């Protein structure tokens, strides 16, 4: 069984908070099945943007699969510009931003 987007986002932000990583919902999408995009702001002017991986949305363990659409040296403004273009075609997507200087907030991209 797959989690609704709203429940996954809430659990992700709670896990980040426990690890000392600040995060917030920048844009709330469809509660049930909106695509979740995560901006990991490294607080040095660079970021990663993780988006749902194409194809199968979950791996064999039931974890969400991700692709890194933007990687350093791209900026959070670059990530938001890309997401603004996406919103024209998919108004149901979620945008979550977390601040993690040392890592990627526990997310990893699929190969």
PDB file of N, CA and C in Angstrom:
ATOM      1  N   UNK A   1       0.836  -1.180   0.000  1.00  0.00           N
ATOM      2  CA  UNK A   1       0.000   0.000   0.000  1.00  0.00           C
ATOM      3  C   UNK A   1       0.885   1.250   0.000  1.00  0.00           C
ATOM      4  N   UNK A   2       0.578   2.194  -0.833  1.00  0.00           N
ATOM      5  CA  UNK A   2       1.350   3.424  -0.932  1.00  0.00           C
ATOM      6  C   UNK A   2       0.719   4.501  -0.062  1.00  0.00           C
ATOM      7  N   UNK A   3       1.583   5.310   0.525  1.00  0.00           N
ATOM      8  CA  UNK A   3       1.110   6.415   1.347  1.00  0.00           C
ATOM      9  C   UNK A   3       0.610   7.556   0.481  1.00  0.00           C
ATOM     10  N   UNK A   4      -0.398   8.251   0.972  1.00  0.00           N
ATOM     11  CA  UNK A   4      -0.838   9.472   0.305  1.00  0.00           C
ATOM     12  C   UNK A   4       0.285  10.492   0.404  1.00  0.00           C
ATOM     13  N   UNK A   5       0.332  11.392  -0.558  1.00  0.00           N
ATOM     14  CA  UNK A   5       1.394  12.394  -0.592  1.00  0.00           C
ATOM     15  C   UNK A   5       1.438  13.225   0.682  1.00  0.00           C
ATOM     16  N   UNK A   6       0.286  13.634   1.186  1.00  0.00           N
ATOM     17  CA  UNK A   6       0.241  14.471   2.392  1.00  0.00           C
ATOM     18  C   UNK A   6       0.842  13.745   3.592  1.00  0.00           C
ATOM     19  N   UNK A   7       0.580  12.464   3.720  1.00  0.00           N
ATOM     20  CA  UNK A   7       1.121  11.687   4.833  1.00  0.00           C
ATOM     21  C   UNK A   7       2.629  11.518   4.669  1.00  0.00           C
ATOM     22  N   UNK A   8       3.089  11.239   3.445  1.00  0.00           N
ATOM     23  CA  UNK A   8       4.529  11.076   3.217  1.00  0.00           C
ATOM     24  C   UNK A   8       5.275  12.367   3.533  1.00  0.00           C
ATOM     25  N   UNK A   9       4.758  13.508   3.074  1.00  0.00           N
ATOM     26  CA  UNK A   9       5.411  14.792   3.319  1.00  0.00           C
ATOM     27  C   UNK A   9       5.489  15.064   4.819  1.00  0.00           C
ATOM     28  N   UNK A  10       4.398  14.818   5.520  1.00  0.00           N
ATOM     29  CA  UNK A  10       4.389  15.035   6.966  1.00  0.00           C
ATOM     30  C   UNK A  10       5.422  14.154   7.668  1.00  0.00           C
ATOM     31  N   UNK A  11       5.494  12.892   7.291  1.00  0.00           N
ATOM     32  CA  UNK A  11       6.460  11.973   7.901  1.00  0.00           C
ATOM     33  C   UNK A  11       7.896  12.368   7.547  1.00  0.00           C
ATOM     34  N   UNK A  12       8.133  12.776   6.307  1.00  0.00           N
ATOM     35  CA  UNK A  12       9.468  13.202   5.877  1.00  0.00           C
ATOM     36  C   UNK A  12       9.928  14.415   6.686  1.00  0.00           C
ATOM     37  N   UNK A  13       9.059  15.415   6.831  1.00  0.00           N
ATOM     38  CA  UNK A  13       9.428  16.613   7.575  1.00  0.00           C
ATOM     39  C   UNK A  13       9.650  16.301   9.054  1.00  0.00           C
ATOM     40  N   UNK A  14       8.876  15.399   9.596  1.00  0.00           N
ATOM     41  CA  UNK A  14       9.066  15.005  10.995  1.00  0.00           C
ATOM     42  C   UNK A  14      10.411  14.307  11.178  1.00  0.00           C
ATOM     43  N   UNK A  15      10.764  13.419  10.232  1.00  0.00           N
ATOM     44  CA  UNK A  15      12.056  12.725  10.311  1.00  0.00           C
ATOM     45  C   UNK A  15      13.205  13.723  10.198  1.00  0.00           C
ATOM     46  N   UNK A  16      13.058  14.688   9.305  1.00  0.00           N
ATOM     47  CA  UNK A  16      14.081  15.738   9.173  1.00  0.00           C
ATOM     48  C   UNK A  16      14.223  16.498  10.486  1.00  0.00           C
ATOM     49  N   UNK A  17      13.096  16.853  11.100  1.00  0.00           N
ATOM     50  CA  UNK A  17      13.132  17.600  12.351  1.00  0.00           C
ATOM     51  C   UNK A  17      13.877  16.820  13.427  1.00  0.00           C
ATOM     52  N   UNK A  18      13.641  15.527  13.513  1.00  0.00           N
ATOM     53  CA  UNK A  18      14.321  14.681  14.496  1.00  0.00           C
ATOM     54  C   UNK A  18      15.828  14.678  14.253  1.00  0.00           C
ATOM     55  N   UNK A  19      16.241  14.758  12.990  1.00  0.00           N
ATOM     56  CA  UNK A  19      17.658  14.772  12.637  1.00  0.00           C
ATOM     57  C   UNK A  19      18.269  16.170  12.686  1.00  0.00           C
ATOM     58  N   UNK A  20      17.483  17.160  13.112  1.00  0.00           N
ATOM     59  CA  UNK A  20      17.989  18.522  13.215  1.00  0.00           C
ATOM     60  C   UNK A  20      18.027  19.271  11.900  1.00  0.00           C
ATOM     61  N   UNK A  21      17.244  18.820  10.934  1.00  0.00           N
ATOM     62  CA  UNK A  21      17.183  19.443   9.612  1.00  0.00           C
ATOM     63  C   UNK A  21      15.868  20.205   9.511  1.00  0.00           C
ATOM     64  N   UNK A  22      15.964  21.519   9.254  1.00  0.00           N
ATOM     65  CA  UNK A  22      14.761  22.322   9.110  1.00  0.00           C
ATOM     66  C   UNK A  22      14.148  22.087   7.744  1.00  0.00           C
ATOM     67  N   UNK A  23      12.823  21.998   7.690  1.00  0.00           N
ATOM     68  CA  UNK A  23      12.138  21.831   6.423  1.00  0.00           C
ATOM     69  C   UNK A  23      10.750  22.421   6.482  1.00  0.00           C
ATOM     70  N   UNK A  24      10.197  22.734   5.331  1.00  0.00           N
ATOM     71  CA  UNK A  24       8.862  23.312   5.256  1.00  0.00           C
ATOM     72  C   UNK A  24       8.235  22.990   3.911  1.00  0.00           C
ATOM     73  N   UNK A  25       6.916  23.019   3.900  1.00  0.00           N
ATOM     74  CA  UNK A  25       6.172  22.867   2.655  1.00  0.00           C
ATOM     75  C   UNK A  25       6.116  24.233   1.987  1.00  0.00           C
ATOM     76  N   UNK A  26       6.666  24.324   0.789  1.00  0.00           N
ATOM     77  CA  UNK A  26       6.650  25.564   0.024  1.00  0.00           C
ATOM     78  C   UNK A  26       5.335  25.674  -0.744  1.00  0.00           C
ATOM     79  N   UNK A  27       4.866  24.531  -1.254  1.00  0.00           N
ATOM     80  CA  UNK A  27       3.604  24.491  -1.988  1.00  0.00           C
ATOM     81  C   UNK A  27       2.925  23.168  -1.740  1.00  0.00           C
ATOM     82  N   UNK A  28       1.684  23.248  -1.332  1.00  0.00           N
ATOM     83  CA  UNK A  28       0.897  22.052  -1.053  1.00  0.00           C
ATOM     84  C   UNK A  28       0.170  21.634  -2.319  1.00  0.00           C
ATOM     85  N   UNK A  29       0.299  20.353  -2.651  1.00  0.00           N
ATOM     86  CA  UNK A  29      -0.350  19.811  -3.838  1.00  0.00           C
ATOM     87  C   UNK A  29      -1.523  18.934  -3.467  1.00  0.00           C
ATOM     88  N   UNK A  30      -1.854  18.016  -4.344  1.00  0.00           N
ATOM     89  CA  UNK A  30      -2.957  17.093  -4.115  1.00  0.00           C
ATOM     90  C   UNK A  30      -2.653  16.212  -2.906  1.00  0.00           C
ATOM     91  N   UNK A  31      -3.593  16.148  -1.975  1.00  0.00           N
ATOM     92  CA  UNK A  31      -3.424  15.362  -0.746  1.00  0.00           C
ATOM     93  C   UNK A  31      -3.191  13.883  -1.047  1.00  0.00           C
ATOM     94  N   UNK A  32      -3.863  13.359  -2.056  1.00  0.00           N
ATOM     95  CA  UNK A  32      -3.827  11.922  -2.313  1.00  0.00           C
ATOM     96  C   UNK A  32      -2.636  11.479  -3.140  1.00  0.00           C
ATOM     97  N   UNK A  33      -2.413  12.153  -4.267  1.00  0.00           N
ATOM     98  CA  UNK A  33      -1.427  11.604  -5.198  1.00  0.00           C
ATOM     99  C   UNK A  33      -0.605  12.662  -5.906  1.00  0.00           C
ATOM    100  N   UNK A  34      -0.443  13.824  -5.326  1.00  0.00           N
ATOM    101  CA  UNK A  34       0.386  14.845  -5.959  1.00  0.00           C
ATOM    102  C   UNK A  34       1.848  14.439  -5.969  1.00  0.00           C
ATOM    103  N   UNK A  35       2.535  14.728  -7.053  1.00  0.00           N
ATOM    104  CA  UNK A  35       3.968  14.425  -7.142  1.00  0.00           C
ATOM    105  C   UNK A  35       4.726  15.316  -6.159  1.00  0.00           C
ATOM    106  N   UNK A  36       5.664  14.731  -5.419  1.00  0.00           N
ATOM    107  CA  UNK A  36       6.439  15.468  -4.419  1.00  0.00           C
ATOM    108  C   UNK A  36       7.816  15.786  -4.990  1.00  0.00           C
ATOM    109  N   UNK A  37       8.208  17.062  -4.924  1.00  0.00           N
ATOM    110  CA  UNK A  37       9.536  17.520  -5.325  1.00  0.00           C
ATOM    111  C   UNK A  37      10.202  18.088  -4.082  1.00  0.00           C
ATOM    112  N   UNK A  38      11.451  17.720  -3.852  1.00  0.00           N
ATOM    113  CA  UNK A  38      12.167  18.149  -2.652  1.00  0.00           C
ATOM    114  C   UNK A  38      13.405  18.936  -3.060  1.00  0.00           C
ATOM    115  N   UNK A  39      13.487  20.175  -2.558  1.00  0.00           N
ATOM    116  CA  UNK A  39      14.682  21.000  -2.741  1.00  0.00           C
ATOM    117  C   UNK A  39      15.508  20.850  -1.471  1.00  0.00           C
ATOM    118  N   UNK A  40      16.749  20.393  -1.620  1.00  0.00           N
ATOM    119  CA  UNK A  40      17.666  20.321  -0.485  1.00  0.00           C
ATOM    120  C   UNK A  40      18.615  21.500  -0.621  1.00  0.00           C
ATOM    121  N   UNK A  41      18.382  22.516   0.199  1.00  0.00           N
ATOM    122  CA  UNK A  41      19.176  23.741   0.184  1.00  0.00           C
ATOM    123  C   UNK A  41      20.401  23.516   1.058  1.00  0.00           C
ATOM    124  N   UNK A  42      21.585  23.675   0.495  1.00  0.00           N
ATOM    125  CA  UNK A  42      22.825  23.434   1.240  1.00  0.00           C
ATOM    126  C   UNK A  42      23.324  24.673   1.980  1.00  0.00           C
ATOM    127  N   UNK A  43      22.554  25.767   1.898  1.00  0.00           N
ATOM    128  CA  UNK A  43      22.848  27.010   2.621  1.00  0.00           C
ATOM    129  C   UNK A  43      24.185  27.637   2.231  1.00  0.00           C
ATOM    130  N   UNK A  44      24.676  27.290   1.056  1.00  0.00           N
ATOM    131  CA  UNK A  44      25.894  27.915   0.536  1.00  0.00           C
ATOM    132  C   UNK A  44      25.641  28.461  -0.866  1.00  0.00           C
ATOM    133  N   UNK A  45      24.353  28.619  -1.202  1.00  0.00           N
ATOM    134  CA  UNK A  45      23.972  29.106  -2.523  1.00  0.00           C
ATOM    135  C   UNK A  45      23.722  27.998  -3.528  1.00  0.00           C
ATOM    136  N   UNK A  46      23.875  26.725  -3.111  1.00  0.00           N
ATOM    137  CA  UNK A  46      23.645  25.592  -4.004  1.00  0.00           C
ATOM    138  C   UNK A  46      22.540  24.705  -3.447  1.00  0.00           C
ATOM    139  N   UNK A  47      22.034  23.826  -4.304  1.00  0.00           N
ATOM    140  CA  UNK A  47      20.971  22.920  -3.865  1.00  0.00           C
ATOM    141  C   UNK A  47      20.940  21.669  -4.739  1.00  0.00           C
ATOM    142  N   UNK A  48      20.172  20.707  -4.268  1.00  0.00           N
ATOM    143  CA  UNK A  48      19.755  19.555  -5.065  1.00  0.00           C
ATOM    144  C   UNK A  48      18.239  19.666  -5.216  1.00  0.00           C
ATOM    145  N   UNK A  49      17.715  19.233  -6.345  1.00  0.00           N
ATOM    146  CA  UNK A  49      16.274  19.119  -6.532  1.00  0.00           C
ATOM    147  C   UNK A  49      15.983  17.671  -6.853  1.00  0.00           C
ATOM    148  N   UNK A  50      15.207  17.036  -5.977  1.00  0.00           N
ATOM    149  CA  UNK A  50      14.810  15.649  -6.196  1.00  0.00           C
ATOM    150  C   UNK A  50      13.375  15.618  -6.679  1.00  0.00           C
ATOM    151  N   UNK A  51      13.132  14.821  -7.719  1.00  0.00           N
ATOM    152  CA  UNK A  51      11.807  14.661  -8.299  1.00  0.00           C
ATOM    153  C   UNK A  51      11.498  13.168  -8.358  1.00  0.00           C
ATOM    154  N   UNK A  52      10.219  12.820  -8.477  1.00  0.00           N
ATOM    155  CA  UNK A  52       9.876  11.405  -8.600  1.00  0.00           C
ATOM    156  C   UNK A  52      10.558  10.783  -9.821  1.00  0.00           C
ATOM    157  N   UNK A  53      11.086   9.601  -9.643  1.00  0.00           N
ATOM    158  CA  UNK A  53      11.741   8.904 -10.751  1.00  0.00           C
ATOM    159  C   UNK A  53      10.699   8.464 -11.773  1.00  0.00           C
ATOM    160  N   UNK A  54      11.071   8.475 -13.060  1.00  0.00           N
ATOM    161  CA  UNK A  54      10.130   7.985 -14.074  1.00  0.00           C
ATOM    162  C   UNK A  54       9.943   6.481 -13.927  1.00  0.00           C
ATOM    163  N   UNK A  55       8.832   6.015 -14.421  1.00  0.00           N
ATOM    164  CA  UNK A  55       8.542   4.591 -14.333  1.00  0.00           C
ATOM    165  C   UNK A  55       7.961   4.236 -12.975  1.00  0.00           C
ATOM    166  N   UNK A  56       8.394   3.123 -12.458  1.00  0.00           N
ATOM    167  CA  UNK A  56       7.891   2.646 -11.165  1.00  0.00           C
ATOM    168  C   UNK A  56       8.211   3.660 -10.074  1.00  0.00           C
ATOM    169  N   UNK A  57       7.189   4.112  -9.344  1.00  0.00           N
ATOM    170  CA  UNK A  57       7.358   5.177  -8.348  1.00  0.00           C
ATOM    171  C   UNK A  57       8.001   4.689  -7.059  1.00  0.00           C
ATOM    172  N   UNK A  58       7.905   3.376  -6.790  1.00  0.00           N
ATOM    173  CA  UNK A  58       8.431   2.825  -5.543  1.00  0.00           C
ATOM    174  C   UNK A  58       9.315   1.628  -5.841  1.00  0.00           C
ATOM    175  N   UNK A  59      10.321   1.426  -4.995  1.00  0.00           N
ATOM    176  CA  UNK A  59      11.192   0.265  -5.179  1.00  0.00           C
ATOM    177  C   UNK A  59      10.563  -0.961  -4.522  1.00  0.00           C
ATOM    178  N   UNK A  60      11.286  -2.075  -4.531  1.00  0.00           N
ATOM    179  CA  UNK A  60      10.743  -3.328  -3.983  1.00  0.00           C
ATOM    180  C   UNK A  60      10.505  -3.274  -2.474  1.00  0.00           C
ATOM    181  N   UNK A  61      11.144  -2.333  -1.785  1.00  0.00           N
ATOM    182  CA  UNK A  61      10.949  -2.159  -0.340  1.00  0.00           C
ATOM    183  C   UNK A  61       9.808  -1.185  -0.034  1.00  0.00           C
ATOM    184  N   UNK A  62       9.192  -0.611  -1.072  1.00  0.00           N
ATOM    185  CA  UNK A  62       8.101   0.330  -0.883  1.00  0.00           C
ATOM    186  C   UNK A  62       8.549   1.770  -0.707  1.00  0.00           C
ATOM    187  N   UNK A  63       9.873   2.029  -0.839  1.00  0.00           N
ATOM    188  CA  UNK A  63      10.396   3.387  -0.704  1.00  0.00           C
ATOM    189  C   UNK A  63      10.215   4.148  -2.015  1.00  0.00           C
ATOM    190  N   UNK A  64       9.989   5.431  -1.897  1.00  0.00           N
ATOM    191  CA  UNK A  64       9.882   6.261  -3.094  1.00  0.00           C
ATOM    192  C   UNK A  64      11.217   6.306  -3.824  1.00  0.00           C
ATOM    193  N   UNK A  65      11.160   6.311  -5.156  1.00  0.00           N
ATOM    194  CA  UNK A  65      12.355   6.434  -5.988  1.00  0.00           C
ATOM    195  C   UNK A  65      12.484   7.877  -6.435  1.00  0.00           C
ATOM    196  N   UNK A  66      13.707   8.382  -6.486  1.00  0.00           N
ATOM    197  CA  UNK A  66      13.980   9.776  -6.819  1.00  0.00           C
ATOM    198  C   UNK A  66      14.991   9.891  -7.944  1.00  0.00           C
ATOM    199  N   UNK A  67      14.939  11.017  -8.659  1.00  0.00           N
ATOM    200  CA  UNK A  67      16.006  11.397  -9.563  1.00  0.00           C
ATOM    201  C   UNK A  67      16.468  12.797  -9.142  1.00  0.00           C
ATOM    202  N   UNK A  68      17.741  13.047  -9.304  1.00  0.00           N
ATOM    203  CA  UNK A  68      18.279  14.384  -9.013  1.00  0.00           C
ATOM    204  C   UNK A  68      18.163  15.200 -10.291  1.00  0.00           C
ATOM    205  N   UNK A  69      17.217  16.117 -10.319  1.00  0.00           N
ATOM    206  CA  UNK A  69      17.023  16.952 -11.507  1.00  0.00           C
ATOM    207  C   UNK A  69      17.985  18.122 -11.540  1.00  0.00           C
ATOM    208  N   UNK A  70      18.343  18.625 -10.371  1.00  0.00           N
ATOM    209  CA  UNK A  70      19.289  19.726 -10.264  1.00  0.00           C
ATOM    210  C   UNK A  70      20.291  19.371  -9.187  1.00  0.00           C
ATOM    211  N   UNK A  71      21.561  19.572  -9.474  1.00  0.00           N
ATOM    212  CA  UNK A  71      22.637  19.330  -8.519  1.00  0.00           C
ATOM    213  C   UNK A  71      23.530  20.559  -8.469  1.00  0.00           C
ATOM    214  N   UNK A  72      24.304  20.715  -7.385  1.00  0.00           N
ATOM    215  CA  UNK A  72      25.235  21.850  -7.322  1.00  0.00           C
ATOM    216  C   UNK A  72      26.100  21.869  -8.572  1.00  0.00           C
ATOM    217  N   UNK A  73      26.408  23.006  -9.091  1.00  0.00           N
ATOM    218  CA  UNK A  73      26.366  24.345  -8.498  1.00  0.00           C
ATOM    219  C   UNK A  73      25.076  25.107  -8.751  1.00  0.00           C
ATOM    220  N   UNK A  74      23.999  24.452  -9.124  1.00  0.00           N
ATOM    221  CA  UNK A  74      22.730  25.142  -9.349  1.00  0.00           C
ATOM    222  C   UNK A  74      22.214  25.744  -8.040  1.00  0.00           C
ATOM    223  N   UNK A  75      21.402  26.786  -8.166  1.00  0.00           N
ATOM    224  CA  UNK A  75      20.916  27.507  -6.994  1.00  0.00           C
ATOM    225  C   UNK A  75      19.448  27.163  -6.702  1.00  0.00           C
ATOM    226  N   UNK A  76      18.971  27.495  -5.493  1.00  0.00           N
ATOM    227  CA  UNK A  76      17.542  27.308  -5.202  1.00  0.00           C
ATOM    228  C   UNK A  76      16.650  28.083  -6.171  1.00  0.00           C
ATOM    229  N   UNK A  77      17.100  29.240  -6.647  1.00  0.00           N
ATOM    230  CA  UNK A  77      16.319  30.002  -7.626  1.00  0.00           C
ATOM    231  C   UNK A  77      16.173  29.215  -8.932  1.00  0.00           C
ATOM    232  N   UNK A  78      17.225  28.485  -9.329  1.00  0.00           N
ATOM    233  CA  UNK A  78      17.151  27.635 -10.526  1.00  0.00           C
ATOM    234  C   UNK A  78      16.112  26.534 -10.326  1.00  0.00           C
ATOM    235  N   UNK A  79      16.113  25.944  -9.143  1.00  0.00           N
ATOM    236  CA  UNK A  79      15.157  24.878  -8.838  1.00  0.00           C
ATOM    237  C   UNK A  79      13.729  25.416  -8.880  1.00  0.00           C
ATOM    238  N   UNK A  80      13.493  26.583  -8.285  1.00  0.00           N
ATOM    239  CA  UNK A  80      12.149  27.159  -8.283  1.00  0.00           C
ATOM    240  C   UNK A  80      11.709  27.548  -9.689  1.00  0.00           C
ATOM    241  N   UNK A  81      12.629  28.011 -10.529  1.00  0.00           N
ATOM    242  CA  UNK A  81      12.281  28.352 -11.914  1.00  0.00           C
ATOM    243  C   UNK A  81      11.808  27.109 -12.665  1.00  0.00           C
ATOM    244  N   UNK A  82      12.505  25.998 -12.472  1.00  0.00           N
ATOM    245  CA  UNK A  82      12.098  24.737 -13.103  1.00  0.00           C
ATOM    246  C   UNK A  82      10.728  24.306 -12.585  1.00  0.00           C
ATOM    247  N   UNK A  83      10.530  24.396 -11.284  1.00  0.00           N
ATOM    248  CA  UNK A  83       9.254  23.977 -10.702  1.00  0.00           C
ATOM    249  C   UNK A  83       8.110  24.898 -11.120  1.00  0.00           C
ATOM    250  N   UNK A  84       8.378  26.171 -11.274  1.00  0.00           N
ATOM    251  CA  UNK A  84       7.347  27.093 -11.758  1.00  0.00           C
ATOM    252  C   UNK A  84       6.869  26.687 -13.151  1.00  0.00           C
ATOM    253  N   UNK A  85       7.800  26.263 -14.006  1.00  0.00           N
ATOM    254  CA  UNK A  85       7.414  25.779 -15.343  1.00  0.00           C
ATOM    255  C   UNK A  85       6.585  24.499 -15.231  1.00  0.00           C
ATOM    256  N   UNK A  86       6.956  23.615 -14.315  1.00  0.00           N
ATOM    257  CA  UNK A  86       6.212  22.370 -14.126  1.00  0.00           C
ATOM    258  C   UNK A  86       4.788  22.611 -13.642  1.00  0.00           C
ATOM    259  N   UNK A  87       4.628  23.628 -12.794  1.00  0.00           N
ATOM    260  CA  UNK A  87       3.305  23.918 -12.232  1.00  0.00           C
ATOM    261  C   UNK A  87       2.285  24.276 -13.310  1.00  0.00           C
ATOM    262  N   UNK A  88       2.742  24.777 -14.432  1.00  0.00           N
ATOM    263  CA  UNK A  88       1.817  25.096 -15.518  1.00  0.00           C
ATOM    264  C   UNK A  88       1.146  23.836 -16.068  1.00  0.00           C
ATOM    265  N   UNK A  89       1.844  22.694 -15.971  1.00  0.00           N
ATOM    266  CA  UNK A  89       1.319  21.445 -16.510  1.00  0.00           C
ATOM    267  C   UNK A  89       0.773  20.521 -15.425  1.00  0.00           C
ATOM    268  N   UNK A  90       1.259  20.681 -14.203  1.00  0.00           N
ATOM    269  CA  UNK A  90       0.841  19.808 -13.103  1.00  0.00           C
ATOM    270  C   UNK A  90       0.574  20.641 -11.849  1.00  0.00           C
ATOM    271  N   UNK A  91      -0.637  21.173 -11.710  1.00  0.00           N
ATOM    272  CA  UNK A  91      -0.934  22.026 -10.558  1.00  0.00           C
ATOM    273  C   UNK A  91      -1.065  21.248  -9.248  1.00  0.00           C
ATOM    274  N   UNK A  92      -0.991  19.927  -9.296  1.00  0.00           N
ATOM    275  CA  UNK A  92      -1.146  19.109  -8.087  1.00  0.00           C
ATOM    276  C   UNK A  92       0.167  18.796  -7.379  1.00  0.00           C
ATOM    277  N   UNK A  93       1.300  19.274  -7.892  1.00  0.00           N
ATOM    278  CA  UNK A  93       2.576  18.866  -7.294  1.00  0.00           C
ATOM    279  C   UNK A  93       2.880  19.590  -5.985  1.00  0.00           C
ATOM    280  N   UNK A  94       3.624  18.891  -5.149  1.00  0.00           N
ATOM    281  CA  UNK A  94       4.089  19.414  -3.861  1.00  0.00           C
ATOM    282  C   UNK A  94       5.518  19.917  -4.024  1.00  0.00           C
ATOM    283  N   UNK A  95       5.854  20.993  -3.308  1.00  0.00           N
ATOM    284  CA  UNK A  95       7.238  21.462  -3.237  1.00  0.00           C
ATOM    285  C   UNK A  95       7.611  21.544  -1.764  1.00  0.00           C
ATOM    286  N   UNK A  96       8.637  20.790  -1.394  1.00  0.00           N
ATOM    287  CA  UNK A  96       9.134  20.773  -0.020  1.00  0.00           C
ATOM    288  C   UNK A  96      10.584  21.231  -0.073  1.00  0.00           C
ATOM    289  N   UNK A  97      10.969  22.102   0.846  1.00  0.00           N
ATOM    290  CA  UNK A  97      12.362  22.544   0.909  1.00  0.00           C
ATOM    291  C   UNK A  97      12.919  22.233   2.285  1.00  0.00           C
ATOM    292  N   UNK A  98      14.107  21.639   2.299  1.00  0.00           N
ATOM    293  CA  UNK A  98      14.806  21.353   3.551  1.00  0.00           C
ATOM    294  C   UNK A  98      16.199  21.971   3.478  1.00  0.00           C
ATOM    295  N   UNK A  99      16.739  22.276   4.652  1.00  0.00           N
ATOM    296  CA  UNK A  99      18.080  22.857   4.728  1.00  0.00           C
ATOM    297  C   UNK A  99      19.020  21.827   5.329  1.00  0.00           C
ATOM    298  N   UNK A 100      19.946  21.350   4.527  1.00  0.00           N
ATOM    299  CA  UNK A 100      20.886  20.330   4.976  1.00  0.00           C
ATOM    300  C   UNK A 100      22.256  20.672   4.407  1.00  0.00           C
ATOM    301  N   UNK A 101      23.128  21.207   5.248  1.00  0.00           N
ATOM    302  CA  UNK A 101      24.464  21.609   4.810  1.00  0.00           C
ATOM    303  C   UNK A 101      25.326  20.424   4.408  1.00  0.00           C
ATOM    304  N   UNK A 102      25.159  19.291   5.070  1.00  0.00           N
ATOM    305  CA  UNK A 102      26.101  18.178   4.933  1.00  0.00           C
ATOM    306  C   UNK A 102      25.629  17.040   4.045  1.00  0.00           C
ATOM    307  N   UNK A 103      24.361  17.006   3.705  1.00  0.00           N
ATOM    308  CA  UNK A 103      23.890  15.850   2.971  1.00  0.00           C
ATOM    309  C   UNK A 103      22.711  16.153   2.093  1.00  0.00           C
ATOM    310  N   UNK A 104      21.870  15.133   1.909  1.00  0.00           N
ATOM    311  CA  UNK A 104      20.723  15.260   1.041  1.00  0.00           C
ATOM    312  C   UNK A 104      19.435  14.871   1.756  1.00  0.00           C
ATOM    313  N   UNK A 105      19.394  15.113   3.073  1.00  0.00           N
ATOM    314  CA  UNK A 105      18.201  14.891   3.892  1.00  0.00           C
ATOM    315  C   UNK A 105      17.696  13.451   3.803  1.00  0.00           C
ATOM    316  N   UNK A 106      18.617  12.527   3.616  1.00  0.00           N
ATOM    317  CA  UNK A 106      18.247  11.115   3.575  1.00  0.00           C
ATOM    318  C   UNK A 106      17.728  10.627   2.242  1.00  0.00           C
ATOM    319  N   UNK A 107      17.692  11.484   1.238  1.00  0.00           N
ATOM    320  CA  UNK A 107      17.212  11.084  -0.092  1.00  0.00           C
ATOM    321  C   UNK A 107      18.396  10.681  -0.953  1.00  0.00           C
ATOM    322  N   UNK A 108      18.160   9.760  -1.842  1.00  0.00           N
ATOM    323  CA  UNK A 108      19.193   9.385  -2.806  1.00  0.00           C
ATOM    324  C   UNK A 108      18.536   9.139  -4.145  1.00  0.00           C
ATOM    325  N   UNK A 109      19.238   9.506  -5.183  1.00  0.00           N
ATOM    326  CA  UNK A 109      18.724   9.364  -6.533  1.00  0.00           C
ATOM    327  C   UNK A 109      18.997   7.967  -7.059  1.00  0.00           C
ATOM    328  N   UNK A 110      18.083   7.475  -7.885  1.00  0.00           N
ATOM    329  CA  UNK A 110      18.287   6.185  -8.525  1.00  0.00           C
ATOM    330  C   UNK A 110      19.194   6.371  -9.723  1.00  0.00           C
ATOM    331  N   UNK A 111      19.862   5.327 -10.086  1.00  0.00           N
ATOM    332  CA  UNK A 111      20.799   5.409 -11.227  1.00  0.00           C
ATOM    333  C   UNK A 111      20.070   5.375 -12.531  1.00  0.00           C
TER     334      UNK A 111
END
